Every structure is written in C-alpha cells, then in structure tokens.
C-alpha atoms as a PDB file:
ATOM      1  CA  ASN A   1      -7.558  42.882 -14.954  1.00  0.00           C
ATOM      2  CA  ILE A   2      -4.475  43.901 -16.940  1.00  0.00           C
ATOM      3  CA  LEU A   3      -6.419  44.281 -20.196  1.00  0.00           C
ATOM      4  CA  SER A   4      -8.833  46.751 -18.579  1.00  0.00           C
ATOM      5  CA  GLU A   5      -5.891  48.726 -17.193  1.00  0.00           C
ATOM      6  CA  PHE A   6      -4.304  48.706 -20.653  1.00  0.00           C
ATOM      7  CA  GLU A   7      -7.556  50.147 -22.082  1.00  0.00           C
ATOM      8  CA  MET A   8      -7.667  52.935 -19.507  1.00  0.00           C
ATOM      9  CA  VAL A   9      -4.064  53.949 -20.202  1.00  0.00           C
ATOM     10  CA  SER A  10      -3.960  53.609 -24.002  1.00  0.00           C
ATOM     11  CA  GLY A  11      -7.595  54.103 -25.015  1.00  0.00           C
ATOM     12  CA  LEU A  12      -7.422  50.864 -27.014  1.00  0.00           C
ATOM     13  CA  ARG A  13     -10.199  48.435 -26.185  1.00  0.00           C
ATOM     14  CA  VAL A  14     -10.217  44.702 -26.701  1.00  0.00           C
ATOM     15  CA  ASN A  15     -13.446  43.520 -28.347  1.00  0.00           C
ATOM     16  CA  PHE A  16     -14.110  40.449 -26.222  1.00  0.00           C
ATOM     17  CA  ALA A  17     -17.206  39.582 -28.236  1.00  0.00           C
ATOM     18  CA  LYS A  18     -15.013  38.908 -31.287  1.00  0.00           C
ATOM     19  CA  SER A  19     -12.110  37.366 -29.413  1.00  0.00           C
ATOM     20  CA  ALA A  20     -11.149  33.755 -28.752  1.00  0.00           C
ATOM     21  CA  MET A  21      -8.419  32.180 -26.663  1.00  0.00           C
ATOM     22  CA  MET A  22      -6.110  29.346 -27.708  1.00  0.00           C
ATOM     23  CA  CYS A  23      -4.060  27.725 -24.957  1.00  0.00           C
ATOM     24  CA  PHE A  24      -0.802  25.817 -25.265  1.00  0.00           C
ATOM     25  CA  ASN A  25       0.506  23.603 -22.433  1.00  0.00           C
ATOM     26  CA  VAL A  26      -2.071  24.928 -19.994  1.00  0.00           C
ATOM     27  CA  LYS A  27      -4.048  22.684 -17.644  1.00  0.00           C
ATOM     28  CA  PRO A  28      -7.772  22.318 -18.531  1.00  0.00           C
ATOM     29  CA  GLN A  29      -8.943  23.802 -15.229  1.00  0.00           C
ATOM     30  CA  ASP A  30      -6.693  26.848 -15.724  1.00  0.00           C
ATOM     31  CA  GLN A  31      -8.074  27.314 -19.244  1.00  0.00           C
ATOM     32  CA  LEU A  32     -11.652  27.295 -17.964  1.00  0.00           C
ATOM     33  CA  GLU A  33     -10.792  29.757 -15.183  1.00  0.00           C
ATOM     34  CA  ALA A  34      -9.084  32.162 -17.607  1.00  0.00           C
ATOM     35  CA  SER A  35     -12.022  31.892 -20.022  1.00  0.00           C
ATOM     36  CA  LYS A  36     -14.481  32.670 -17.235  1.00  0.00           C
ATOM     37  CA  ILE A  37     -12.519  35.688 -15.994  1.00  0.00           C
ATOM     38  CA  LEU A  38     -11.986  37.223 -19.441  1.00  0.00           C
ATOM     39  CA  GLY A  39     -15.330  36.170 -20.911  1.00  0.00           C
ATOM     40  CA  ILE A  40     -13.583  34.748 -23.973  1.00  0.00           C
ATOM     41  CA  PRO A  41     -14.423  31.332 -25.448  1.00  0.00           C
ATOM     42  CA  ILE A  42     -11.697  28.704 -25.782  1.00  0.00           C
ATOM     43  CA  ALA A  43     -10.750  27.859 -29.384  1.00  0.00           C
ATOM     44  CA  SER A  44      -9.809  24.212 -29.438  1.00  0.00           C
ATOM     45  CA  LYS A  45      -8.515  23.965 -33.034  1.00  0.00           C
ATOM     46  CA  LEU A  46      -7.886  27.399 -34.583  1.00  0.00           C
ATOM     47  CA  VAL A  47      -8.319  31.149 -34.364  1.00  0.00           C
ATOM     48  CA  LYS A  48      -8.561  33.602 -37.225  1.00  0.00           C
ATOM     49  CA  TYR A  49      -6.440  36.777 -37.179  1.00  0.00           C
ATOM     50  CA  LEU A  50      -6.324  39.255 -40.087  1.00  0.00           C
ATOM     51  CA  GLY A  51      -7.607  36.585 -42.440  1.00  0.00           C
ATOM     52  CA  VAL A  52      -5.014  33.994 -41.385  1.00  0.00           C
ATOM     53  CA  LYS A  53      -6.176  30.813 -39.690  1.00  0.00           C
ATOM     54  CA  ILE A  54      -3.781  30.072 -36.844  1.00  0.00           C
ATOM     55  CA  THR A  55      -4.065  26.384 -36.042  1.00  0.00           C
ATOM     56  CA  LYS A  56      -3.163  24.672 -32.804  1.00  0.00           C
ATOM     57  CA  ASN A  57      -1.526  21.940 -34.866  1.00  0.00           C
ATOM     58  CA  MET A  58       1.180  23.878 -36.743  1.00  0.00           C
ATOM     59  CA  GLN A  59       1.338  21.215 -39.469  1.00  0.00           C
ATOM     60  CA  LYS A  60      -2.141  22.216 -40.586  1.00  0.00           C
ATOM     61  CA  LEU A  61      -1.239  25.849 -41.323  1.00  0.00           C
ATOM     62  CA  PHE A  62      -0.647  25.096 -45.003  1.00  0.00           C
ATOM     63  CA  GLU A  63      -3.858  23.120 -45.384  1.00  0.00           C
ATOM     64  CA  GLN A  64      -6.056  25.666 -43.616  1.00  0.00           C
ATOM     65  CA  ASN A  65      -4.607  28.723 -45.360  1.00  0.00           C
ATOM     66  CA  TYR A  66      -2.795  28.153 -48.652  1.00  0.00           C
ATOM     67  CA  LYS A  67      -4.921  25.239 -49.844  1.00  0.00           C
ATOM     68  CA  GLU A  68      -8.161  27.033 -48.927  1.00  0.00           C
ATOM     69  CA  ILE A  69      -7.218  30.292 -50.653  1.00  0.00           C
ATOM     70  CA  TRP A  70      -6.077  28.460 -53.821  1.00  0.00           C
ATOM     71  CA  LYS A  71      -9.327  26.487 -53.844  1.00  0.00           C
ATOM     72  CA  GLY A  72     -11.216  29.807 -53.992  1.00  0.00           C
ATOM     73  CA  ILE A  73      -8.931  31.176 -56.715  1.00  0.00           C
ATOM     74  CA  ARG A  74      -9.465  28.062 -58.855  1.00  0.00           C
ATOM     75  CA  VAL A  75     -13.268  28.462 -58.546  1.00  0.00           C
ATOM     76  CA  LYS A  76     -12.953  32.055 -59.763  1.00  0.00           C
ATOM     77  CA  MET A  77     -10.721  31.088 -62.667  1.00  0.00           C
ATOM     78  CA  LYS A  78     -13.134  28.330 -63.673  1.00  0.00           C
ATOM     79  CA  LEU A  79     -16.062  30.782 -63.717  1.00  0.00           C
ATOM     80  CA  TRP A  80     -14.199  33.544 -65.504  1.00  0.00           C
ATOM     81  CA  GLY A  81     -12.657  31.028 -67.906  1.00  0.00           C
ATOM     82  CA  LYS A  82     -16.054  30.476 -69.496  1.00  0.00           C
ATOM     83  CA  ARG A  83     -16.147  34.071 -70.655  1.00  0.00           C
ATOM     84  CA  LYS A  84     -14.599  35.015 -73.981  1.00  0.00           C
ATOM     85  CA  GLU A  85     -11.910  37.395 -72.845  1.00  0.00           C
ATOM     86  CA  SER A  86      -8.611  38.368 -74.427  1.00  0.00           C
ATOM     87  CA  ILE A  87      -5.291  37.168 -72.989  1.00  0.00           C
ATOM     88  CA  SER A  88      -4.445  40.660 -71.742  1.00  0.00           C
ATOM     89  CA  THR A  89      -7.836  40.900 -69.951  1.00  0.00           C
ATOM     90  CA  ARG A  90      -7.280  37.572 -68.244  1.00  0.00           C
ATOM     91  CA  ILE A  91      -3.822  38.643 -67.095  1.00  0.00           C
ATOM     92  CA  ALA A  92      -5.295  41.862 -65.728  1.00  0.00           C
ATOM     93  CA  LEU A  93      -7.974  39.889 -63.835  1.00  0.00           C
ATOM     94  CA  LEU A  94      -5.287  37.752 -62.264  1.00  0.00           C
ATOM     95  CA  LYS A  95      -3.165  40.703 -61.201  1.00  0.00           C
ATOM     96  CA  MET A  96      -6.033  42.798 -59.839  1.00  0.00           C
ATOM     97  CA  PHE A  97      -8.297  40.251 -58.172  1.00  0.00           C
ATOM     98  CA  LEU A  98      -6.740  36.819 -57.705  1.00  0.00           C
ATOM     99  CA  ILE A  99      -2.958  36.965 -57.225  1.00  0.00           C
ATOM    100  CA  PRO A 100      -3.103  39.601 -54.415  1.00  0.00           C
ATOM    101  CA  LYS A 101      -5.107  37.127 -52.309  1.00  0.00           C
ATOM    102  CA  LEU A 102      -2.300  34.608 -52.619  1.00  0.00           C
ATOM    103  CA  THR A 103       0.596  37.042 -52.186  1.00  0.00           C
ATOM    104  CA  TYR A 104      -1.001  38.284 -48.953  1.00  0.00           C
ATOM    105  CA  PHE A 105      -0.387  34.862 -47.424  1.00  0.00           C
ATOM    106  CA  PHE A 106       3.132  34.814 -48.886  1.00  0.00           C
ATOM    107  CA  TYR A 107       3.724  38.044 -46.989  1.00  0.00           C
ATOM    108  CA  VAL A 108       2.147  37.307 -43.628  1.00  0.00           C
ATOM    109  CA  LEU A 109       2.701  33.537 -43.382  1.00  0.00           C
ATOM    110  CA  PRO A 110       6.326  32.433 -43.965  1.00  0.00           C
ATOM    111  CA  TRP A 111       5.551  28.775 -44.418  1.00  0.00           C
ATOM    112  CA  HIS A 112       7.118  26.278 -46.810  1.00  0.00           C
ATOM    113  CA  VAL A 113       5.040  25.660 -49.915  1.00  0.00           C
ATOM    114  CA  PRO A 114       6.543  22.738 -51.868  1.00  0.00           C
ATOM    115  CA  GLU A 115       7.849  23.741 -55.270  1.00  0.00           C
ATOM    116  CA  TYR A 116       5.807  21.079 -57.065  1.00  0.00           C
ATOM    117  CA  ILE A 117       2.627  22.658 -55.645  1.00  0.00           C
ATOM    118  CA  LEU A 118       3.709  26.123 -56.761  1.00  0.00           C
ATOM    119  CA  LYS A 119       4.376  24.777 -60.262  1.00  0.00           C
ATOM    120  CA  LYS A 120       0.990  23.077 -60.254  1.00  0.00           C
ATOM    121  CA  TRP A 121      -0.670  26.364 -59.353  1.00  0.00           C
ATOM    122  CA  GLN A 122       1.310  28.048 -62.135  1.00  0.00           C
ATOM    123  CA  GLY A 123      -0.032  25.471 -64.563  1.00  0.00           C
ATOM    124  CA  ASP A 124      -3.587  26.376 -63.517  1.00  0.00           C
ATOM    125  CA  ILE A 125      -2.807  30.052 -64.130  1.00  0.00           C
ATOM    126  CA  ASP A 126      -1.353  29.382 -67.571  1.00  0.00           C
ATOM    127  CA  ARG A 127      -4.358  27.296 -68.572  1.00  0.00           C
ATOM    128  CA  PHE A 128      -6.663  30.133 -67.477  1.00  0.00           C
ATOM    129  CA  VAL A 129      -4.708  32.751 -69.395  1.00  0.00           C
ATOM    130  CA  PHE A 130      -4.542  30.761 -72.636  1.00  0.00           C
ATOM    131  CA  ALA A 131      -8.068  29.296 -72.286  1.00  0.00           C
ATOM    132  CA  SER A 132      -6.731  25.719 -71.917  1.00  0.00           C
ATOM    133  CA  LYS A 133      -4.963  26.002 -75.262  1.00  0.00           C
ATOM    134  CA  LYS A 134      -1.305  25.185 -75.767  1.00  0.00           C
ATOM    135  CA  PRO A 135       0.741  28.437 -75.491  1.00  0.00           C
ATOM    136  CA  ARG A 136       2.879  29.253 -78.505  1.00  0.00           C
ATOM    137  CA  THR A 137       5.408  31.401 -76.672  1.00  0.00           C
ATOM    138  CA  ALA A 138       8.488  30.413 -74.684  1.00  0.00           C
ATOM    139  CA  ASN A 139       8.286  30.493 -70.885  1.00  0.00           C
ATOM    140  CA  LYS A 140      10.709  33.397 -70.571  1.00  0.00           C
ATOM    141  CA  TYR A 141       8.413  35.619 -72.672  1.00  0.00           C
ATOM    142  CA  ARG A 142       5.277  34.530 -70.802  1.00  0.00           C
ATOM    143  CA  TYR A 143       6.522  35.751 -67.457  1.00  0.00           C
ATOM    144  CA  GLN A 144       8.766  38.602 -68.620  1.00  0.00           C
ATOM    145  CA  ARG A 145       7.589  42.123 -67.816  1.00  0.00           C
ATOM    146  CA  ILE A 146       5.514  43.869 -70.438  1.00  0.00           C
ATOM    147  CA  GLN A 147       8.007  46.757 -70.663  1.00  0.00           C
ATOM    148  CA  ASP A 148      10.684  44.164 -71.470  1.00  0.00           C
ATOM    149  CA  GLY A 149       8.668  42.658 -74.307  1.00  0.00           C
ATOM    150  CA  GLY A 150       6.953  39.863 -72.379  1.00  0.00           C
ATOM    151  CA  TRP A 151       3.360  38.944 -71.591  1.00  0.00           C
ATOM    152  CA  GLY A 152       3.676  39.828 -67.908  1.00  0.00           C
ATOM    153  CA  ILE A 153       1.869  36.690 -66.683  1.00  0.00           C
ATOM    154  CA  PRO A 154       2.187  36.406 -62.873  1.00  0.00           C
ATOM    155  CA  ASN A 155       4.719  33.725 -61.881  1.00  0.00           C
ATOM    156  CA  VAL A 156       3.687  32.181 -58.600  1.00  0.00           C
ATOM    157  CA  VAL A 157       7.139  30.670 -57.897  1.00  0.00           C
ATOM    158  CA  TRP A 158       8.824  34.066 -58.316  1.00  0.00           C
ATOM    159  CA  TYR A 159       6.233  35.810 -56.104  1.00  0.00           C
ATOM    160  CA  TYR A 160       6.645  33.192 -53.390  1.00  0.00           C
ATOM    161  CA  GLU A 161      10.449  33.290 -53.421  1.00  0.00           C
ATOM    162  CA  ALA A 162      10.560  37.097 -53.419  1.00  0.00           C
ATOM    163  CA  TYR A 163       8.297  37.385 -50.371  1.00  0.00           C
ATOM    164  CA  GLN A 164      10.128  34.639 -48.477  1.00  0.00           C
ATOM    165  CA  LEU A 165      13.515  36.287 -49.120  1.00  0.00           C
ATOM    166  CA  ARG A 166      12.075  39.562 -47.887  1.00  0.00           C
ATOM    167  CA  HIS A 167      11.252  37.880 -44.577  1.00  0.00           C
ATOM    168  CA  LEU A 168      14.899  36.878 -44.285  1.00  0.00           C
ATOM    169  CA  MET A 169      16.082  40.370 -45.099  1.00  0.00           C
ATOM    170  CA  ILE A 170      13.916  41.756 -42.316  1.00  0.00           C
ATOM    171  CA  TRP A 171      15.331  39.137 -39.989  1.00  0.00           C
ATOM    172  CA  LEU A 172      18.924  39.976 -40.942  1.00  0.00           C
ATOM    173  CA  VAL A 173      18.955  43.746 -41.504  1.00  0.00           C
ATOM    174  CA  GLY A 174      15.563  44.996 -40.293  1.00  0.00           C
ATOM    175  CA  GLU A 175      12.537  46.445 -42.098  1.00  0.00           C
ATOM    176  CA  LYS A 176      14.441  49.465 -43.477  1.00  0.00           C
ATOM    177  CA  GLY A 177      17.200  47.315 -44.935  1.00  0.00           C
ATOM    178  CA  ALA A 178      14.769  44.892 -46.499  1.00  0.00           C
ATOM    179  CA  ASP A 179      12.918  47.698 -48.259  1.00  0.00           C
ATOM    180  CA  LEU A 180      16.173  48.819 -49.890  1.00  0.00           C
ATOM    181  CA  GLY A 181      16.369  45.520 -51.709  1.00  0.00           C
ATOM    182  CA  TRP A 182      20.052  44.946 -50.919  1.00  0.00           C
ATOM    183  CA  ILE A 183      22.304  44.283 -47.941  1.00  0.00           C
ATOM    184  CA  GLU A 184      25.171  46.343 -46.590  1.00  0.00           C
ATOM    185  CA  ARG A 185      27.624  43.934 -45.063  1.00  0.00           C
ATOM    186  CA  GLU A 186      28.930  46.710 -42.814  1.00  0.00           C
ATOM    187  CA  ASN A 187      25.514  46.821 -41.083  1.00  0.00           C
ATOM    188  CA  LEU A 188      25.690  43.165 -40.107  1.00  0.00           C
ATOM    189  CA  GLU A 189      27.322  42.087 -36.895  1.00  0.00           C
ATOM    190  CA  VAL A 190      29.189  38.929 -37.792  1.00  0.00           C
ATOM    191  CA  VAL A 191      30.732  37.160 -34.844  1.00  0.00           C
ATOM    192  CA  GLY A 192      33.631  34.788 -35.382  1.00  0.00           C
ATOM    193  CA  GLY A 193      33.938  35.107 -39.140  1.00  0.00           C
ATOM    194  CA  LYS A 194      31.929  32.751 -41.337  1.00  0.00           C
ATOM    195  CA  VAL A 195      28.918  31.453 -39.420  1.00  0.00           C
ATOM    196  CA  GLY A 196      25.515  29.963 -39.881  1.00  0.00           C
ATOM    197  CA  LEU A 197      24.198  28.575 -43.093  1.00  0.00           C
ATOM    198  CA  PHE A 198      27.413  26.907 -44.155  1.00  0.00           C
ATOM    199  CA  ASP A 199      28.045  25.323 -40.764  1.00  0.00           C
ATOM    200  CA  ARG A 200      26.275  21.970 -40.831  1.00  0.00           C
ATOM    201  CA  LYS A 201      26.657  21.363 -37.111  1.00  0.00           C
ATOM    202  CA  LYS A 202      24.997  24.652 -36.200  1.00  0.00           C
ATOM    203  CA  LYS A 203      22.252  24.123 -38.747  1.00  0.00           C
ATOM    204  CA  LYS A 204      21.483  20.754 -37.143  1.00  0.00           C
ATOM    205  CA  LYS A 205      21.579  22.309 -33.684  1.00  0.00           C
ATOM    206  CA  VAL A 206      19.025  24.958 -34.654  1.00  0.00           C
ATOM    207  CA  GLY A 207      16.644  22.203 -35.681  1.00  0.00           C
ATOM    208  CA  ASN A 208      12.980  22.751 -34.931  1.00  0.00           C
ATOM    209  CA  LYS A 209      13.461  26.343 -33.787  1.00  0.00           C
ATOM    210  CA  LEU A 210      13.019  27.337 -37.434  1.00  0.00           C
ATOM    211  CA  SER A 211       9.839  25.311 -37.906  1.00  0.00           C
ATOM    212  CA  THR A 212       7.668  28.403 -38.401  1.00  0.00           C
ATOM    213  CA  PHE A 213      10.221  29.929 -40.767  1.00  0.00           C
ATOM    214  CA  THR A 214      10.551  26.998 -43.144  1.00  0.00           C
ATOM    215  CA  GLY A 215       9.500  28.938 -46.272  1.00  0.00           C
ATOM    216  CA  PRO A 216      12.252  31.577 -46.158  1.00  0.00           C
ATOM    217  CA  ILE A 217      14.883  29.027 -45.151  1.00  0.00           C
ATOM    218  CA  TRP A 218      13.974  26.766 -48.071  1.00  0.00           C
ATOM    219  CA  VAL A 219      14.245  29.667 -50.535  1.00  0.00           C
ATOM    220  CA  TRP A 220      17.530  30.740 -48.922  1.00  0.00           C
ATOM    221  CA  GLU A 221      18.984  27.281 -49.441  1.00  0.00           C
ATOM    222  CA  LYS A 222      17.971  27.419 -53.105  1.00  0.00           C
ATOM    223  CA  TRP A 223      19.522  30.794 -53.902  1.00  0.00           C
ATOM    224  CA  LYS A 224      22.302  31.240 -51.318  1.00  0.00           C
ATOM    225  CA  LYS A 225      25.232  30.585 -53.639  1.00  0.00           C
ATOM    226  CA  GLU A 226      23.977  32.960 -56.347  1.00  0.00           C
ATOM    227  CA  PHE A 227      22.862  35.978 -54.280  1.00  0.00           C
ATOM    228  CA  PHE A 228      24.384  35.863 -50.789  1.00  0.00           C
ATOM    229  CA  SER A 229      27.732  36.058 -49.106  1.00  0.00           C
ATOM    230  CA  GLU A 230      28.799  33.173 -46.848  1.00  0.00           C
ATOM    231  CA  SER A 231      29.242  35.622 -43.965  1.00  0.00           C
ATOM    232  CA  ILE A 232      25.526  36.512 -44.078  1.00  0.00           C
ATOM    233  CA  SER A 233      23.243  33.875 -42.626  1.00  0.00           C
ATOM    234  CA  PRO A 234      19.792  33.637 -41.021  1.00  0.00           C
ATOM    235  CA  TYR A 235      21.013  30.902 -38.675  1.00  0.00           C
ATOM    236  CA  LYS A 236      23.268  33.209 -36.714  1.00  0.00           C
ATOM    237  CA  ASN A 237      20.223  35.269 -35.680  1.00  0.00           C
ATOM    238  CA  VAL A 238      18.614  32.334 -33.847  1.00  0.00           C
ATOM    239  CA  VAL A 239      19.091  32.391 -30.086  1.00  0.00           C
ATOM    240  CA  LEU A 240      20.116  28.877 -29.077  1.00  0.00           C
END
C-alpha cells in the first residue's frame, strides 16, 4: 500500500503496533475494511498524539486535555503545599515542573479556555505560592518580573494569551514573522483595504470554520484595539 511505498522511498516507517485510526464520515463497512488492510485498530472516541488527546467530538477537547492536565497539577500542588518551603522555592517549582505542562497545551492546542477558568487556576497558583495565606503585595508586583522588582509568579492568563496570539501571528505572517514578535505591514497582502475582523458580515460568514481556532480568535477580540491595525486580520486568511 501507499504507506509501505512511502517507507521504501523515505526510510520512515509507520509503527502500526502503536497506531490507531479515527474515521470521520466514513461508512462502517469501509472503516472495517481499511482497518483490516492496514492492521490498525479503529479508535471510536479519541486518539493520543504527542500527549494531546484528539477527540472525535471536538467539544470534548477542553475536557480531555486542559481539565485533565490541570487536575494533575492541582494534585502536585496539594502534595508540595504540605512541605515547608519558601515563596521563592514554590515559584521555582511552578516554573520548572508544573507550568510547562500547561503551556505545552497552550502552544499545541489553540482552543478557547474561558477567562473565568484561567482566573480560577491563577487563584490555585497564588494559594500554593503563599501557602493559603492572604498575600500582602499588590497584584502587579506578584506577577511582575524579578528583574523589574516583582515576585515573578507565573500568570496563567498572560501565558495563555501570549501563546494564542502567537498562533495568530503564524497564521498572518508565518513562523519567522511570529518569532520576531512584531508585524511588518508591508509583508501582509491586504486585498481591498480594510478587511476581516472589523467587517461583521464577513465574521458571521466565516462562522464555524474557525471552531478549532477559538482560543486565538477570542484573545484577538480582547486585544485588537490596543495592539493591532484594522488592516491586519485573521479572518481574511480563511478560505471561504
């Protein structure tokens, strides 16, 4: 079959023993035939790829990924919270062992996480850092960088928004442009002047085509007036 031919040409081999197949809009008999030919079991609900659970029901992506990873982080914070550690040590534990697990999903899974949930997670982090005691510092000093005179406590909302905006930058200007951290308007091909985000009719027309990109779009809507030009829009990159 084509996968065997691909292996012969490229030298890259598919590990069928660790593979599963998820079918969308395929007749049951065709699914069984494909499974028999390839020797791959049919996954009825989800498959796991690079640590991300890809569900057949897209609405369950948040529950199967973000909720599960936060559940594990909370267990760790509860266990470590019983130890008598300094505030700086607790912040270091968060940055080295716990927050990277969450930011990985922010990076690979551009899905909308409601702001009230992010703030709830942030509350859990603050309680862990201050050992469930009331903090005596203002919020801006808690999350400010250490080199700027702050505590440097990880801010989940900021992490989430930064990663989601990076997804949009890649979409608009490519990987190289996103890594620069800014946009050159000359590099964007704008057709017909102002388009996209500020055109309600086009936004409505795009509709469900952005369903798997809801996280970046939500963050864009929040910060568009402060950081972005009206001539730059993610909506114009959608093929209708």
